[in-house]
Amino acid sequence: MLLAMDIFADGASVSLVTAPVVSGVSLADAKLHCKVDTSEDDSLFTTLIDAAAQYCEASTGRKCPTQTWEYKRPAFPCGSEPIVLPFPPVASVTSVSYIDADGASQTWTAGSTGYTTDLPAGPHADYARVYPSYGVSYPSTRGQRNAVTVRFVCGYGNSSDMPPSLTAAMLKLIEHWYMHRGVVTEAAYTQNVNIPAGVDALLEPFRA
């Protein structure tokens, strides 16, 4: 079984390129779930929505709303082994770039003379993979940190595309934190403390 720690072995890293433009749960749905019909606490709800998404993402290894990341490696894999991308589901691979042996930045193109992708879809999608196309070898790179960069788009789309179990987990977190504001610090929103019963059971089938 592939573990997330395997993806980040040997000096690999990730960086966020484009943050989500929507939330995993809409403000209106969060307020409806908590039976709130005023705008007085809208700012708090926005914070709780973001925190609930962060908790679900950290717990599952998946991303909720659509966002763009870069996965960086010190080199391409050996032979025909794939580049395994974090944060399923991955919707698309935007680009693959690398530093060649002479230190110049190059773009590796998709297609029969470059790379191909395997992008599993669905609520429980496996990790996405980037392979050399048939008969193609990985390009040579300079031996340095972040010599290979894969930019990709991941996440379930918007709030209406989220798997119902993930939406339910987020709503339970938001309601619990909203109703117990006096005993929950802001730091606790993204840590495994003060988590209502049932949330982790809802998240368990989605752990990557």
C-alpha atoms as a PDB file:
ATOM      1  CA  MET A   1       0.000   0.000   0.000  1.00  0.00           C
ATOM      2  CA  LEU A   2       1.343   3.402  -0.982  1.00  0.00           C
ATOM      3  CA  LEU A   3       1.699   5.795   1.932  1.00  0.00           C
ATOM      4  CA  ALA A   4       1.708   9.588   1.732  1.00  0.00           C
ATOM      5  CA  MET A   5       5.129   9.578   3.395  1.00  0.00           C
ATOM      6  CA  ASP A   6       6.480   7.620   0.412  1.00  0.00           C
ATOM      7  CA  ILE A   7       5.489  10.457  -1.926  1.00  0.00           C
ATOM      8  CA  PHE A   8       7.504  12.928   0.140  1.00  0.00           C
ATOM      9  CA  ALA A   9      10.597  10.744   0.524  1.00  0.00           C
ATOM     10  CA  ASP A  10      13.979  11.769  -0.868  1.00  0.00           C
ATOM     11  CA  GLY A  11      13.521  15.508  -0.558  1.00  0.00           C
ATOM     12  CA  ALA A  12      10.195  15.895  -2.386  1.00  0.00           C
ATOM     13  CA  SER A  13       7.976  18.841  -1.418  1.00  0.00           C
ATOM     14  CA  VAL A  14       4.747  20.606  -2.353  1.00  0.00           C
ATOM     15  CA  SER A  15       3.704  24.233  -2.624  1.00  0.00           C
ATOM     16  CA  LEU A  16       0.301  25.808  -3.170  1.00  0.00           C
ATOM     17  CA  VAL A  17       0.022  27.752  -6.432  1.00  0.00           C
ATOM     18  CA  THR A  18      -3.649  28.722  -6.559  1.00  0.00           C
ATOM     19  CA  ALA A  19      -5.875  28.548  -3.495  1.00  0.00           C
ATOM     20  CA  PRO A  20      -9.494  27.412  -3.779  1.00  0.00           C
ATOM     21  CA  VAL A  21     -11.886  30.109  -4.956  1.00  0.00           C
ATOM     22  CA  VAL A  22     -14.845  28.390  -3.284  1.00  0.00           C
ATOM     23  CA  SER A  23     -15.284  26.605   0.025  1.00  0.00           C
ATOM     24  CA  GLY A  24     -15.965  22.948   0.635  1.00  0.00           C
ATOM     25  CA  VAL A  25     -19.245  23.995   2.264  1.00  0.00           C
ATOM     26  CA  SER A  26     -21.068  27.187   1.333  1.00  0.00           C
ATOM     27  CA  LEU A  27     -21.746  29.868   3.927  1.00  0.00           C
ATOM     28  CA  ALA A  28     -25.482  29.469   3.323  1.00  0.00           C
ATOM     29  CA  ASP A  29     -25.379  25.701   3.903  1.00  0.00           C
ATOM     30  CA  ALA A  30     -23.293  26.072   7.059  1.00  0.00           C
ATOM     31  CA  LYS A  31     -25.732  28.607   8.514  1.00  0.00           C
ATOM     32  CA  LEU A  32     -28.739  26.520   7.504  1.00  0.00           C
ATOM     33  CA  HIS A  33     -27.227  23.461   9.201  1.00  0.00           C
ATOM     34  CA  CYS A  34     -26.673  25.481  12.384  1.00  0.00           C
ATOM     35  CA  LYS A  35     -30.143  27.072  12.152  1.00  0.00           C
ATOM     36  CA  VAL A  36     -28.717  30.593  11.967  1.00  0.00           C
ATOM     37  CA  ASP A  37     -30.583  33.161   9.843  1.00  0.00           C
ATOM     38  CA  THR A  38     -28.668  36.354  10.650  1.00  0.00           C
ATOM     39  CA  SER A  39     -25.396  37.684   9.225  1.00  0.00           C
ATOM     40  CA  GLU A  40     -23.910  38.620  12.597  1.00  0.00           C
ATOM     41  CA  ASP A  41     -21.557  35.620  12.715  1.00  0.00           C
ATOM     42  CA  ASP A  42     -20.742  35.346   8.998  1.00  0.00           C
ATOM     43  CA  SER A  43     -17.049  36.078   9.599  1.00  0.00           C
ATOM     44  CA  LEU A  44     -16.873  33.336  12.222  1.00  0.00           C
ATOM     45  CA  PHE A  45     -18.662  30.887   9.934  1.00  0.00           C
ATOM     46  CA  THR A  46     -16.144  31.612   7.181  1.00  0.00           C
ATOM     47  CA  THR A  47     -13.301  30.809   9.581  1.00  0.00           C
ATOM     48  CA  LEU A  48     -14.982  27.604  10.719  1.00  0.00           C
ATOM     49  CA  ILE A  49     -15.660  26.498   7.134  1.00  0.00           C
ATOM     50  CA  ASP A  50     -12.008  26.946   6.228  1.00  0.00           C
ATOM     51  CA  ALA A  51     -10.892  25.189   9.406  1.00  0.00           C
ATOM     52  CA  ALA A  52     -13.253  22.260   8.794  1.00  0.00           C
ATOM     53  CA  ALA A  53     -11.894  21.875   5.260  1.00  0.00           C
ATOM     54  CA  GLN A  54      -8.335  21.927   6.597  1.00  0.00           C
ATOM     55  CA  TYR A  55      -9.162  19.251   9.155  1.00  0.00           C
ATOM     56  CA  CYS A  56     -10.789  17.012   6.551  1.00  0.00           C
ATOM     57  CA  GLU A  57      -7.901  17.504   4.130  1.00  0.00           C
ATOM     58  CA  ALA A  58      -5.282  16.770   6.787  1.00  0.00           C
ATOM     59  CA  SER A  59      -7.188  13.690   7.960  1.00  0.00           C
ATOM     60  CA  THR A  60      -7.740  12.193   4.512  1.00  0.00           C
ATOM     61  CA  GLY A  61      -4.756  13.374   2.459  1.00  0.00           C
ATOM     62  CA  ARG A  62      -7.255  14.688  -0.114  1.00  0.00           C
ATOM     63  CA  LYS A  63      -8.169  18.206  -1.191  1.00  0.00           C
ATOM     64  CA  CYS A  64     -11.753  19.429  -1.035  1.00  0.00           C
ATOM     65  CA  PRO A  65     -12.386  22.422  -3.343  1.00  0.00           C
ATOM     66  CA  THR A  66     -10.383  22.658  -6.575  1.00  0.00           C
ATOM     67  CA  GLN A  67      -6.876  24.085  -6.141  1.00  0.00           C
ATOM     68  CA  THR A  68      -3.521  24.053  -7.915  1.00  0.00           C
ATOM     69  CA  TRP A  69      -0.289  22.681  -6.416  1.00  0.00           C
ATOM     70  CA  GLU A  70       3.284  22.016  -7.452  1.00  0.00           C
ATOM     71  CA  TYR A  71       5.029  18.784  -6.533  1.00  0.00           C
ATOM     72  CA  LYS A  72       8.822  19.084  -6.597  1.00  0.00           C
ATOM     73  CA  ARG A  73      11.406  16.301  -6.661  1.00  0.00           C
ATOM     74  CA  PRO A  74      15.214  16.256  -6.830  1.00  0.00           C
ATOM     75  CA  ALA A  75      15.092  13.947  -9.876  1.00  0.00           C
ATOM     76  CA  PHE A  76      12.821  11.840 -12.036  1.00  0.00           C
ATOM     77  CA  PRO A  77      12.190   8.264 -10.827  1.00  0.00           C
ATOM     78  CA  CYS A  78      14.378   5.419 -12.026  1.00  0.00           C
ATOM     79  CA  GLY A  79      13.486   3.498 -15.166  1.00  0.00           C
ATOM     80  CA  SER A  80       9.790   3.585 -15.937  1.00  0.00           C
ATOM     81  CA  GLU A  81       8.615   4.051 -12.334  1.00  0.00           C
ATOM     82  CA  PRO A  82       5.836   6.667 -12.180  1.00  0.00           C
ATOM     83  CA  ILE A  83       5.804  10.040 -10.497  1.00  0.00           C
ATOM     84  CA  VAL A  84       3.054   9.581  -7.902  1.00  0.00           C
ATOM     85  CA  LEU A  85       1.220  12.822  -7.112  1.00  0.00           C
ATOM     86  CA  PRO A  86      -0.235  13.681  -3.710  1.00  0.00           C
ATOM     87  CA  PHE A  87      -3.725  14.960  -2.928  1.00  0.00           C
ATOM     88  CA  PRO A  88      -6.227  12.868  -4.865  1.00  0.00           C
ATOM     89  CA  PRO A  89      -8.374  13.309  -6.782  1.00  0.00           C
ATOM     90  CA  VAL A  90      -6.151  14.984  -9.388  1.00  0.00           C
ATOM     91  CA  ALA A  91      -8.205  16.496 -12.214  1.00  0.00           C
ATOM     92  CA  SER A  92      -5.352  17.401 -14.542  1.00  0.00           C
ATOM     93  CA  VAL A  93      -1.601  17.804 -14.874  1.00  0.00           C
ATOM     94  CA  THR A  94      -0.870  21.334 -16.044  1.00  0.00           C
ATOM     95  CA  SER A  95       2.848  20.979 -16.740  1.00  0.00           C
ATOM     96  CA  VAL A  96       6.004  18.983 -16.058  1.00  0.00           C
ATOM     97  CA  SER A  97       9.229  20.994 -16.011  1.00  0.00           C
ATOM     98  CA  TYR A  98      12.804  20.172 -15.081  1.00  0.00           C
ATOM     99  CA  ILE A  99      16.338  21.513 -14.853  1.00  0.00           C
ATOM    100  CA  ASP A 100      18.450  19.776 -17.473  1.00  0.00           C
ATOM    101  CA  ALA A 101      22.045  18.624 -17.064  1.00  0.00           C
ATOM    102  CA  ASP A 102      23.302  22.039 -18.241  1.00  0.00           C
ATOM    103  CA  GLY A 103      21.201  23.904 -15.676  1.00  0.00           C
ATOM    104  CA  ALA A 104      18.576  25.182 -18.121  1.00  0.00           C
ATOM    105  CA  SER A 105      14.846  25.060 -17.390  1.00  0.00           C
ATOM    106  CA  GLN A 106      12.951  22.769 -19.746  1.00  0.00           C
ATOM    107  CA  THR A 107       9.333  21.722 -20.252  1.00  0.00           C
ATOM    108  CA  TRP A 108       8.529  18.054 -20.774  1.00  0.00           C
ATOM    109  CA  THR A 109       5.504  17.822 -23.026  1.00  0.00           C
ATOM    110  CA  ALA A 110       2.635  15.391 -22.822  1.00  0.00           C
ATOM    111  CA  GLY A 111       2.089  12.952 -25.664  1.00  0.00           C
ATOM    112  CA  SER A 112       3.771  10.124 -27.518  1.00  0.00           C
ATOM    113  CA  THR A 113       7.241  11.671 -27.248  1.00  0.00           C
ATOM    114  CA  GLY A 114       6.887  12.826 -23.641  1.00  0.00           C
ATOM    115  CA  TYR A 115       4.738  11.761 -20.735  1.00  0.00           C
ATOM    116  CA  THR A 116       1.308  10.273 -20.155  1.00  0.00           C
ATOM    117  CA  THR A 117      -0.926  10.405 -17.082  1.00  0.00           C
ATOM    118  CA  ASP A 118      -3.177   8.110 -15.094  1.00  0.00           C
ATOM    119  CA  LEU A 119      -5.773  10.232 -13.274  1.00  0.00           C
ATOM    120  CA  PRO A 120      -8.232   8.095 -11.271  1.00  0.00           C
ATOM    121  CA  ALA A 121     -11.545   9.829 -10.685  1.00  0.00           C
ATOM    122  CA  GLY A 122     -14.414   9.471  -8.249  1.00  0.00           C
ATOM    123  CA  PRO A 123     -14.945  10.021  -4.518  1.00  0.00           C
ATOM    124  CA  HIS A 124     -12.367   7.403  -3.512  1.00  0.00           C
ATOM    125  CA  ALA A 125      -9.884   8.033  -6.318  1.00  0.00           C
ATOM    126  CA  ASP A 126      -6.393   6.585  -5.916  1.00  0.00           C
ATOM    127  CA  TYR A 127      -3.215   8.622  -6.379  1.00  0.00           C
ATOM    128  CA  ALA A 128      -2.575  10.080  -9.841  1.00  0.00           C
ATOM    129  CA  ARG A 129       0.559   9.041 -11.719  1.00  0.00           C
ATOM    130  CA  VAL A 130       2.761  10.509 -14.431  1.00  0.00           C
ATOM    131  CA  TYR A 131       4.661   8.043 -16.657  1.00  0.00           C
ATOM    132  CA  PRO A 132       6.992   8.258 -19.635  1.00  0.00           C
ATOM    133  CA  SER A 133       5.015   7.372 -22.751  1.00  0.00           C
ATOM    134  CA  TYR A 134       5.694   4.000 -24.392  1.00  0.00           C
ATOM    135  CA  GLY A 135       9.309   3.773 -25.553  1.00  0.00           C
ATOM    136  CA  VAL A 136      10.243   7.102 -23.929  1.00  0.00           C
ATOM    137  CA  SER A 137      12.749   7.625 -21.107  1.00  0.00           C
ATOM    138  CA  TYR A 138      12.716  10.322 -18.466  1.00  0.00           C
ATOM    139  CA  PRO A 139      14.871  13.345 -19.390  1.00  0.00           C
ATOM    140  CA  SER A 140      18.248  13.780 -17.704  1.00  0.00           C
ATOM    141  CA  THR A 141      18.333  16.341 -14.914  1.00  0.00           C
ATOM    142  CA  ARG A 142      20.917  18.242 -12.946  1.00  0.00           C
ATOM    143  CA  GLY A 143      21.530  16.836  -9.482  1.00  0.00           C
ATOM    144  CA  GLN A 144      19.918  19.551  -7.370  1.00  0.00           C
ATOM    145  CA  ARG A 145      16.948  20.148  -5.123  1.00  0.00           C
ATOM    146  CA  ASN A 146      13.624  20.710  -6.901  1.00  0.00           C
ATOM    147  CA  ALA A 147      15.043  19.662 -10.265  1.00  0.00           C
ATOM    148  CA  VAL A 148      11.619  18.321 -11.323  1.00  0.00           C
ATOM    149  CA  THR A 149       8.337  20.212 -10.912  1.00  0.00           C
ATOM    150  CA  VAL A 150       4.864  18.869 -11.651  1.00  0.00           C
ATOM    151  CA  ARG A 151       2.034  21.398 -11.531  1.00  0.00           C
ATOM    152  CA  PHE A 152      -1.410  19.855 -11.157  1.00  0.00           C
ATOM    153  CA  VAL A 153      -5.035  20.663 -10.338  1.00  0.00           C
ATOM    154  CA  CYS A 154      -6.678  18.628  -7.592  1.00  0.00           C
ATOM    155  CA  GLY A 155      -9.835  18.583  -5.500  1.00  0.00           C
ATOM    156  CA  TYR A 156     -13.483  17.645  -5.888  1.00  0.00           C
ATOM    157  CA  GLY A 157     -14.607  20.823  -7.638  1.00  0.00           C
ATOM    158  CA  ASN A 158     -16.961  23.034  -5.638  1.00  0.00           C
ATOM    159  CA  SER A 159     -19.264  22.439  -2.706  1.00  0.00           C
ATOM    160  CA  SER A 160     -21.903  20.726  -4.858  1.00  0.00           C
ATOM    161  CA  ASP A 161     -19.332  18.206  -6.122  1.00  0.00           C
ATOM    162  CA  MET A 162     -18.126  17.112  -2.683  1.00  0.00           C
ATOM    163  CA  PRO A 163     -18.852  13.517  -1.613  1.00  0.00           C
ATOM    164  CA  PRO A 164     -21.800  13.626   0.815  1.00  0.00           C
ATOM    165  CA  SER A 165     -19.797  12.022   3.629  1.00  0.00           C
ATOM    166  CA  LEU A 166     -17.122  14.720   3.456  1.00  0.00           C
ATOM    167  CA  THR A 167     -19.785  17.429   3.419  1.00  0.00           C
ATOM    168  CA  ALA A 168     -21.453  15.827   6.447  1.00  0.00           C
ATOM    169  CA  ALA A 169     -18.130  15.691   8.304  1.00  0.00           C
ATOM    170  CA  MET A 170     -17.479  19.370   7.616  1.00  0.00           C
ATOM    171  CA  LEU A 171     -20.979  20.370   8.729  1.00  0.00           C
ATOM    172  CA  LYS A 172     -20.651  18.376  11.966  1.00  0.00           C
ATOM    173  CA  LEU A 173     -17.339  20.101  12.708  1.00  0.00           C
ATOM    174  CA  ILE A 174     -18.718  23.549  11.935  1.00  0.00           C
ATOM    175  CA  GLU A 175     -21.798  23.022  14.091  1.00  0.00           C
ATOM    176  CA  HIS A 176     -19.792  21.628  17.002  1.00  0.00           C
ATOM    177  CA  TRP A 177     -17.227  24.419  16.951  1.00  0.00           C
ATOM    178  CA  TYR A 178     -19.913  27.070  16.533  1.00  0.00           C
ATOM    179  CA  MET A 179     -21.938  25.760  19.475  1.00  0.00           C
ATOM    180  CA  HIS A 180     -18.865  25.394  21.715  1.00  0.00           C
ATOM    181  CA  ARG A 181     -17.000  28.590  20.928  1.00  0.00           C
ATOM    182  CA  GLY A 182     -16.239  29.338  24.554  1.00  0.00           C
ATOM    183  CA  VAL A 183     -14.126  26.228  25.098  1.00  0.00           C
ATOM    184  CA  VAL A 184     -12.423  25.880  21.729  1.00  0.00           C
ATOM    185  CA  THR A 185      -9.367  27.910  20.860  1.00  0.00           C
ATOM    186  CA  GLU A 186      -8.659  28.882  17.265  1.00  0.00           C
ATOM    187  CA  ALA A 187      -5.657  26.557  17.201  1.00  0.00           C
ATOM    188  CA  ALA A 188      -7.917  23.640  18.071  1.00  0.00           C
ATOM    189  CA  TYR A 189      -9.855  24.012  14.825  1.00  0.00           C
ATOM    190  CA  THR A 190      -7.136  22.276  12.814  1.00  0.00           C
ATOM    191  CA  GLN A 191      -5.844  19.871  15.446  1.00  0.00           C
ATOM    192  CA  ASN A 192      -7.232  16.530  16.512  1.00  0.00           C
ATOM    193  CA  VAL A 193      -8.909  17.914  19.629  1.00  0.00           C
ATOM    194  CA  ASN A 194     -12.541  18.598  20.468  1.00  0.00           C
ATOM    195  CA  ILE A 195     -13.758  16.630  17.461  1.00  0.00           C
ATOM    196  CA  PRO A 196     -17.429  15.573  17.593  1.00  0.00           C
ATOM    197  CA  ALA A 197     -18.348  11.898  17.487  1.00  0.00           C
ATOM    198  CA  GLY A 198     -18.817  10.462  14.040  1.00  0.00           C
ATOM    199  CA  VAL A 199     -16.532  12.820  12.124  1.00  0.00           C
ATOM    200  CA  ASP A 200     -13.572  10.472  11.881  1.00  0.00           C
ATOM    201  CA  ALA A 201     -15.865   7.586  10.917  1.00  0.00           C
ATOM    202  CA  LEU A 202     -17.175   9.686   8.026  1.00  0.00           C
ATOM    203  CA  LEU A 203     -13.623  10.507   6.944  1.00  0.00           C
ATOM    204  CA  GLU A 204     -12.106   7.039   7.319  1.00  0.00           C
ATOM    205  CA  PRO A 205     -13.179   5.653   3.887  1.00  0.00           C
ATOM    206  CA  PHE A 206     -11.514   8.626   2.188  1.00  0.00           C
ATOM    207  CA  ARG A 207      -8.075   8.363   3.767  1.00  0.00           C
ATOM    208  CA  ALA A 208      -5.540   8.276   0.931  1.00  0.00           C
END
